Amino acid sequence: MSGLWSGQPNTVKLDELDVICAVLGCGIEELLLPEPERVPEPVPATDSQATAVGQPRAVAPRPRTGRSLPPR
């Protein structure tokens, strides 16, 4: 809760939001305002990155050490 008082918090937990609404006597819809203009539009994937459902993908064999490799 200290992040709420010190400035603009990065996140607000749902439990904290419930407490705030109970103290203020309001609903969540009165506190949260949609700002769709601040959300960036999704960038369409290029053909080299996109794989349709059901199309085969390249499969890399796993090493025999039993450990997986980190993501690329």
C-alpha atoms as a PDB file:
ATOM      1  CA  MET A   1       0.000   0.000   0.000  1.00  0.00           C
ATOM      2  CA  SER A   2       2.948   2.354   0.525  1.00  0.00           C
ATOM      3  CA  GLY A   3       3.460   2.497  -3.245  1.00  0.00           C
ATOM      4  CA  LEU A   4      -0.032   3.945  -3.593  1.00  0.00           C
ATOM      5  CA  TRP A   5       0.774   6.802  -1.211  1.00  0.00           C
ATOM      6  CA  SER A   6       4.275   7.556  -2.533  1.00  0.00           C
ATOM      7  CA  GLY A   7       3.272   8.147  -6.168  1.00  0.00           C
ATOM      8  CA  GLN A   8       1.972   6.195  -9.125  1.00  0.00           C
ATOM      9  CA  PRO A   9       2.278   2.473  -8.371  1.00  0.00           C
ATOM     10  CA  ASN A  10       3.233  -0.013 -11.074  1.00  0.00           C
ATOM     11  CA  THR A  11       0.613  -2.483  -9.900  1.00  0.00           C
ATOM     12  CA  VAL A  12      -2.349  -2.694  -7.555  1.00  0.00           C
ATOM     13  CA  LYS A  13      -3.270  -6.090  -6.164  1.00  0.00           C
ATOM     14  CA  LEU A  14      -6.908  -7.132  -6.332  1.00  0.00           C
ATOM     15  CA  ASP A  15      -7.001  -7.497  -2.540  1.00  0.00           C
ATOM     16  CA  GLU A  16      -5.789  -3.903  -2.185  1.00  0.00           C
ATOM     17  CA  LEU A  17      -8.396  -2.732  -4.691  1.00  0.00           C
ATOM     18  CA  ASP A  18     -11.121  -4.451  -2.659  1.00  0.00           C
ATOM     19  CA  VAL A  19      -9.940  -2.667   0.497  1.00  0.00           C
ATOM     20  CA  ILE A  20      -9.852   0.715  -1.256  1.00  0.00           C
ATOM     21  CA  CYS A  21     -13.383   0.214  -2.588  1.00  0.00           C
ATOM     22  CA  ALA A  22     -14.645  -0.832   0.847  1.00  0.00           C
ATOM     23  CA  VAL A  23     -13.097   2.212   2.535  1.00  0.00           C
ATOM     24  CA  LEU A  24     -14.356   4.649  -0.119  1.00  0.00           C
ATOM     25  CA  GLY A  25     -17.748   2.980  -0.415  1.00  0.00           C
ATOM     26  CA  CYS A  26     -17.547   2.702  -4.205  1.00  0.00           C
ATOM     27  CA  GLY A  27     -17.305   0.070  -6.892  1.00  0.00           C
ATOM     28  CA  ILE A  28     -14.305  -0.965  -8.951  1.00  0.00           C
ATOM     29  CA  GLU A  29     -15.882   0.539 -12.079  1.00  0.00           C
ATOM     30  CA  GLU A  30     -15.767   3.940 -10.414  1.00  0.00           C
ATOM     31  CA  LEU A  31     -12.011   3.709  -9.799  1.00  0.00           C
ATOM     32  CA  LEU A  32     -10.770   2.067 -13.001  1.00  0.00           C
ATOM     33  CA  LEU A  33     -11.049   4.157 -16.137  1.00  0.00           C
ATOM     34  CA  PRO A  34     -10.365   2.509 -19.509  1.00  0.00           C
ATOM     35  CA  GLU A  35      -7.666   4.217 -21.596  1.00  0.00           C
ATOM     36  CA  PRO A  36      -7.586   2.287 -24.898  1.00  0.00           C
ATOM     37  CA  GLU A  37      -5.606   5.062 -26.611  1.00  0.00           C
ATOM     38  CA  ARG A  38      -2.620   4.335 -24.320  1.00  0.00           C
ATOM     39  CA  VAL A  39      -2.391   0.682 -25.359  1.00  0.00           C
ATOM     40  CA  PRO A  40      -0.158   0.113 -28.401  1.00  0.00           C
ATOM     41  CA  GLU A  41      -1.768  -1.647 -31.334  1.00  0.00           C
ATOM     42  CA  PRO A  42      -0.517  -5.187 -31.941  1.00  0.00           C
ATOM     43  CA  VAL A  43       2.052  -5.574 -34.696  1.00  0.00           C
ATOM     44  CA  PRO A  44       1.174  -8.297 -37.210  1.00  0.00           C
ATOM     45  CA  ALA A  45       3.711 -11.123 -37.385  1.00  0.00           C
ATOM     46  CA  THR A  46       5.857 -11.444 -40.479  1.00  0.00           C
ATOM     47  CA  ASP A  47       5.592 -14.557 -42.647  1.00  0.00           C
ATOM     48  CA  SER A  48       8.926 -15.886 -41.394  1.00  0.00           C
ATOM     49  CA  GLN A  49       7.727 -15.808 -37.768  1.00  0.00           C
ATOM     50  CA  ALA A  50       4.110 -16.854 -38.184  1.00  0.00           C
ATOM     51  CA  THR A  51       3.189 -20.512 -38.271  1.00  0.00           C
ATOM     52  CA  ALA A  52      -0.385 -21.500 -38.934  1.00  0.00           C
ATOM     53  CA  VAL A  53      -2.048 -24.065 -36.718  1.00  0.00           C
ATOM     54  CA  GLY A  54      -1.436 -27.544 -38.007  1.00  0.00           C
ATOM     55  CA  GLN A  55       1.652 -26.679 -40.081  1.00  0.00           C
ATOM     56  CA  PRO A  56       4.837 -28.531 -39.176  1.00  0.00           C
ATOM     57  CA  ARG A  57       7.562 -26.682 -37.282  1.00  0.00           C
ATOM     58  CA  ALA A  58      11.258 -27.395 -37.017  1.00  0.00           C
ATOM     59  CA  VAL A  59      12.018 -29.495 -33.947  1.00  0.00           C
ATOM     60  CA  ALA A  60      15.409 -29.351 -32.259  1.00  0.00           C
ATOM     61  CA  PRO A  61      16.542 -32.580 -30.595  1.00  0.00           C
ATOM     62  CA  ARG A  62      17.110 -32.475 -26.843  1.00  0.00           C
ATOM     63  CA  PRO A  63      20.580 -33.146 -25.500  1.00  0.00           C
ATOM     64  CA  ARG A  64      21.028 -36.494 -23.763  1.00  0.00           C
ATOM     65  CA  THR A  65      22.210 -34.859 -20.534  1.00  0.00           C
ATOM     66  CA  GLY A  66      18.627 -34.605 -19.323  1.00  0.00           C
ATOM     67  CA  ARG A  67      18.826 -30.826 -18.983  1.00  0.00           C
ATOM     68  CA  SER A  68      16.906 -28.473 -21.219  1.00  0.00           C
ATOM     69  CA  LEU A  69      18.500 -25.554 -23.023  1.00  0.00           C
ATOM     70  CA  PRO A  70      17.590 -21.935 -22.233  1.00  0.00           C
ATOM     71  CA  PRO A  71      15.073 -20.239 -24.543  1.00  0.00           C
ATOM     72  CA  ARG A  72      16.404 -18.561 -27.660  1.00  0.00           C
END
